[in-house]
Each structure stands twice: as structure tokens, then as C-alpha cells.
């Protein structure tokens, strides 16, 4: 899952980077008139059985939306927020660039699952 405002540019970027196959669903806030928060977009568009899907984002809103849904989140340092700011929000992983996304996804998937309270299980 990823959240963006401009779907066309997002799809181009993912193709250019060769990582489009990593995403099963793209939520583009612009497709919804920009009136919903990211948390609302996730709740309305991600079926309950997919709520463990990894969310990728670069803002506090992305991280909090994923956490509210109970989804793991990979924070990317390509936005306006720095590592210390994002780390304080508690994402599952922070990466420098989406180029590192394939390895990051594997890293998050190989971790023990979290229970609903946010604690690792297993």
C-alpha cells in the first residue's frame, strides 16, 4: 500500500524504479477528491483480511494511518521529514530511498507478526 495525491505520477515513478510489482494496491487521495484523511482512505479501501499489508510512507500521517489500521509501516526518507522525526513515530523500518524497498519489504515480512496491542508475537 502507498498513499499519494497524484496517481499518474506515482505509477510512472514506480515503473521507472522497477518496483511497481511490490504494490498490490495504490490509494491515491486525489481519486477521492482529497477530502478523506489517509487513515479514512485505508479503513474504507483495505479489506479486513489485507490489513496486515505493509504501508509505505514518508510523513507522520502515513505512519499514524498504518498504525491505526494495525499494518506494518516502512518510512522512507525521501520526503520532508528527517530520520529522527520519523523514528520517534515508531515505524517498523526506515529506509533512505524507495530503491531499497524490495529488501525492506523482505525484512519486515521476515519479522514475527504483531498482536493487536502492537507487540511482536511468535
C-alpha atoms as a PDB file:
ATOM      1  CA  UNK A   1       0.000   0.000   0.000  1.00  0.00           C
ATOM      2  CA  UNK A   2       1.133   3.506  -0.678  1.00  0.00           C
ATOM      3  CA  UNK A   3      -0.690   6.790  -0.368  1.00  0.00           C
ATOM      4  CA  UNK A   4      -0.266   9.654  -2.819  1.00  0.00           C
ATOM      5  CA  UNK A   5      -2.171  12.584  -4.294  1.00  0.00           C
ATOM      6  CA  UNK A   6      -1.110  12.200  -7.950  1.00  0.00           C
ATOM      7  CA  UNK A   7      -1.792   8.693  -9.219  1.00  0.00           C
ATOM      8  CA  UNK A   8      -0.413   9.126 -12.719  1.00  0.00           C
ATOM      9  CA  UNK A   9       2.939  10.412 -11.480  1.00  0.00           C
ATOM     10  CA  UNK A  10       3.055   7.702  -8.824  1.00  0.00           C
ATOM     11  CA  UNK A  11       2.569   4.926 -11.385  1.00  0.00           C
ATOM     12  CA  UNK A  12       5.264   6.434 -13.612  1.00  0.00           C
ATOM     13  CA  UNK A  13       7.685   6.669 -10.710  1.00  0.00           C
ATOM     14  CA  UNK A  14       7.086   3.064  -9.623  1.00  0.00           C
ATOM     15  CA  UNK A  15       7.603   1.828 -13.197  1.00  0.00           C
ATOM     16  CA  UNK A  16      10.767   3.904 -13.597  1.00  0.00           C
ATOM     17  CA  UNK A  17      12.179   2.488 -10.365  1.00  0.00           C
ATOM     18  CA  UNK A  18      11.229  -1.066 -11.291  1.00  0.00           C
ATOM     19  CA  UNK A  19       9.271  -1.656  -8.088  1.00  0.00           C
ATOM     20  CA  UNK A  20       5.642  -1.465  -9.241  1.00  0.00           C
ATOM     21  CA  UNK A  21       5.238  -5.224  -8.747  1.00  0.00           C
ATOM     22  CA  UNK A  22       5.700  -4.750  -4.992  1.00  0.00           C
ATOM     23  CA  UNK A  23       2.372  -2.941  -4.674  1.00  0.00           C
ATOM     24  CA  UNK A  24      -0.918  -4.827  -4.643  1.00  0.00           C
ATOM     25  CA  UNK A  25      -2.931  -1.649  -4.145  1.00  0.00           C
ATOM     26  CA  UNK A  26      -2.327   2.065  -4.667  1.00  0.00           C
ATOM     27  CA  UNK A  27      -4.519   4.519  -2.796  1.00  0.00           C
ATOM     28  CA  UNK A  28      -4.436   7.934  -4.402  1.00  0.00           C
ATOM     29  CA  UNK A  29      -6.128  10.599  -2.307  1.00  0.00           C
ATOM     30  CA  UNK A  30      -6.745  12.707  -5.407  1.00  0.00           C
ATOM     31  CA  UNK A  31      -9.086   9.968  -6.669  1.00  0.00           C
ATOM     32  CA  UNK A  32     -11.311  10.693  -3.674  1.00  0.00           C
ATOM     33  CA  UNK A  33     -11.405  14.463  -4.022  1.00  0.00           C
ATOM     34  CA  UNK A  34      -8.754  14.923  -1.344  1.00  0.00           C
ATOM     35  CA  UNK A  35     -11.470  15.077   1.320  1.00  0.00           C
ATOM     36  CA  UNK A  36     -10.541  11.943   3.261  1.00  0.00           C
ATOM     37  CA  UNK A  37      -7.632  11.534   5.633  1.00  0.00           C
ATOM     38  CA  UNK A  38      -5.139   8.789   4.888  1.00  0.00           C
ATOM     39  CA  UNK A  39      -6.475   6.771   7.825  1.00  0.00           C
ATOM     40  CA  UNK A  40     -10.002   7.044   6.376  1.00  0.00           C
ATOM     41  CA  UNK A  41      -8.756   6.009   2.932  1.00  0.00           C
ATOM     42  CA  UNK A  42      -7.110   2.926   4.399  1.00  0.00           C
ATOM     43  CA  UNK A  43     -10.119   1.940   6.505  1.00  0.00           C
ATOM     44  CA  UNK A  44     -12.545   2.363   3.609  1.00  0.00           C
ATOM     45  CA  UNK A  45     -10.443   0.690   0.916  1.00  0.00           C
ATOM     46  CA  UNK A  46      -8.440  -2.072   2.539  1.00  0.00           C
ATOM     47  CA  UNK A  47     -10.424  -5.237   3.237  1.00  0.00           C
ATOM     48  CA  UNK A  48     -10.058  -6.589   6.768  1.00  0.00           C
ATOM     49  CA  UNK A  49      -8.123  -9.624   5.510  1.00  0.00           C
ATOM     50  CA  UNK A  50      -5.494  -7.316   3.923  1.00  0.00           C
ATOM     51  CA  UNK A  51      -4.981  -5.073   6.943  1.00  0.00           C
ATOM     52  CA  UNK A  52      -1.624  -6.662   7.677  1.00  0.00           C
ATOM     53  CA  UNK A  53      -0.314  -5.325   4.354  1.00  0.00           C
ATOM     54  CA  UNK A  54       2.770  -3.140   4.537  1.00  0.00           C
ATOM     55  CA  UNK A  55       2.186   0.599   4.171  1.00  0.00           C
ATOM     56  CA  UNK A  56       4.978   2.741   2.706  1.00  0.00           C
ATOM     57  CA  UNK A  57       5.077   6.449   3.519  1.00  0.00           C
ATOM     58  CA  UNK A  58       7.212   9.459   4.288  1.00  0.00           C
ATOM     59  CA  UNK A  59       5.071  11.516   6.676  1.00  0.00           C
ATOM     60  CA  UNK A  60       3.627  11.278  10.145  1.00  0.00           C
ATOM     61  CA  UNK A  61       0.154  10.962   8.626  1.00  0.00           C
ATOM     62  CA  UNK A  62       1.253   7.886   6.644  1.00  0.00           C
ATOM     63  CA  UNK A  63       2.775   6.246   9.711  1.00  0.00           C
ATOM     64  CA  UNK A  64      -0.142   7.002  12.012  1.00  0.00           C
ATOM     65  CA  UNK A  65      -2.676   5.819   9.423  1.00  0.00           C
ATOM     66  CA  UNK A  66      -0.866   2.485   9.057  1.00  0.00           C
ATOM     67  CA  UNK A  67      -0.550   2.068  12.804  1.00  0.00           C
ATOM     68  CA  UNK A  68      -4.253   2.846  13.329  1.00  0.00           C
ATOM     69  CA  UNK A  69      -5.065   0.063  10.879  1.00  0.00           C
ATOM     70  CA  UNK A  70      -2.616  -2.335  12.533  1.00  0.00           C
ATOM     71  CA  UNK A  71      -0.434  -2.526   9.428  1.00  0.00           C
ATOM     72  CA  UNK A  72       3.361  -2.603   9.412  1.00  0.00           C
ATOM     73  CA  UNK A  73       4.854   0.584   8.015  1.00  0.00           C
ATOM     74  CA  UNK A  74       8.082   1.345   6.187  1.00  0.00           C
ATOM     75  CA  UNK A  75       9.059   5.007   6.401  1.00  0.00           C
ATOM     76  CA  UNK A  76      11.056   6.483   3.532  1.00  0.00           C
ATOM     77  CA  UNK A  77      13.414   9.450   3.938  1.00  0.00           C
ATOM     78  CA  UNK A  78      12.564  10.875   0.523  1.00  0.00           C
ATOM     79  CA  UNK A  79      10.036  13.332   1.938  1.00  0.00           C
ATOM     80  CA  UNK A  80      10.372  16.417   4.078  1.00  0.00           C
ATOM     81  CA  UNK A  81      10.791  14.584   7.395  1.00  0.00           C
ATOM     82  CA  UNK A  82      14.176  13.529   8.753  1.00  0.00           C
ATOM     83  CA  UNK A  83      15.176  10.217  10.334  1.00  0.00           C
ATOM     84  CA  UNK A  84      14.860  11.411  13.950  1.00  0.00           C
ATOM     85  CA  UNK A  85      11.366  12.775  13.381  1.00  0.00           C
ATOM     86  CA  UNK A  86      10.140   9.594  11.667  1.00  0.00           C
ATOM     87  CA  UNK A  87      11.881   7.292  14.148  1.00  0.00           C
ATOM     88  CA  UNK A  88      10.041   8.972  17.035  1.00  0.00           C
ATOM     89  CA  UNK A  89       6.774   7.818  15.431  1.00  0.00           C
ATOM     90  CA  UNK A  90       7.785   4.153  15.631  1.00  0.00           C
ATOM     91  CA  UNK A  91       7.637   2.806  12.065  1.00  0.00           C
ATOM     92  CA  UNK A  92       8.679  -0.809  11.595  1.00  0.00           C
ATOM     93  CA  UNK A  93      11.589   0.235   9.387  1.00  0.00           C
ATOM     94  CA  UNK A  94      13.118   3.415   7.948  1.00  0.00           C
ATOM     95  CA  UNK A  95      14.874   3.392   4.586  1.00  0.00           C
ATOM     96  CA  UNK A  96      16.799   6.067   2.703  1.00  0.00           C
ATOM     97  CA  UNK A  97      15.059   5.590  -0.646  1.00  0.00           C
ATOM     98  CA  UNK A  98      12.330   3.526  -2.308  1.00  0.00           C
ATOM     99  CA  UNK A  99      15.158   1.881  -4.250  1.00  0.00           C
ATOM    100  CA  UNK A 100      15.747  -0.090  -1.036  1.00  0.00           C
ATOM    101  CA  UNK A 101      12.103  -1.143  -0.853  1.00  0.00           C
ATOM    102  CA  UNK A 102      12.468  -4.760  -2.081  1.00  0.00           C
ATOM    103  CA  UNK A 103      14.926  -5.607   0.717  1.00  0.00           C
ATOM    104  CA  UNK A 104      12.901  -3.597   3.240  1.00  0.00           C
ATOM    105  CA  UNK A 105       9.713  -5.498   2.411  1.00  0.00           C
ATOM    106  CA  UNK A 106      11.532  -8.812   2.862  1.00  0.00           C
ATOM    107  CA  UNK A 107      12.934  -7.620   6.180  1.00  0.00           C
ATOM    108  CA  UNK A 108       9.504  -6.631   7.516  1.00  0.00           C
ATOM    109  CA  UNK A 109       7.885  -9.828   6.232  1.00  0.00           C
ATOM    110  CA  UNK A 110      10.507 -11.975   7.963  1.00  0.00           C
ATOM    111  CA  UNK A 111       9.771 -10.455  11.379  1.00  0.00           C
ATOM    112  CA  UNK A 112       7.376 -12.067  13.845  1.00  0.00           C
ATOM    113  CA  UNK A 113       3.770 -10.894  13.498  1.00  0.00           C
ATOM    114  CA  UNK A 114       2.377  -8.239  15.842  1.00  0.00           C
ATOM    115  CA  UNK A 115      -0.639  -8.854  18.015  1.00  0.00           C
ATOM    116  CA  UNK A 116      -3.443  -6.229  18.120  1.00  0.00           C
ATOM    117  CA  UNK A 117      -1.749  -4.450  21.030  1.00  0.00           C
ATOM    118  CA  UNK A 118       1.268  -3.800  18.804  1.00  0.00           C
ATOM    119  CA  UNK A 119       3.527  -6.362  20.434  1.00  0.00           C
ATOM    120  CA  UNK A 120       5.502  -8.920  18.468  1.00  0.00           C
ATOM    121  CA  UNK A 121       4.192 -12.472  18.682  1.00  0.00           C
ATOM    122  CA  UNK A 122       5.731 -15.759  17.703  1.00  0.00           C
END
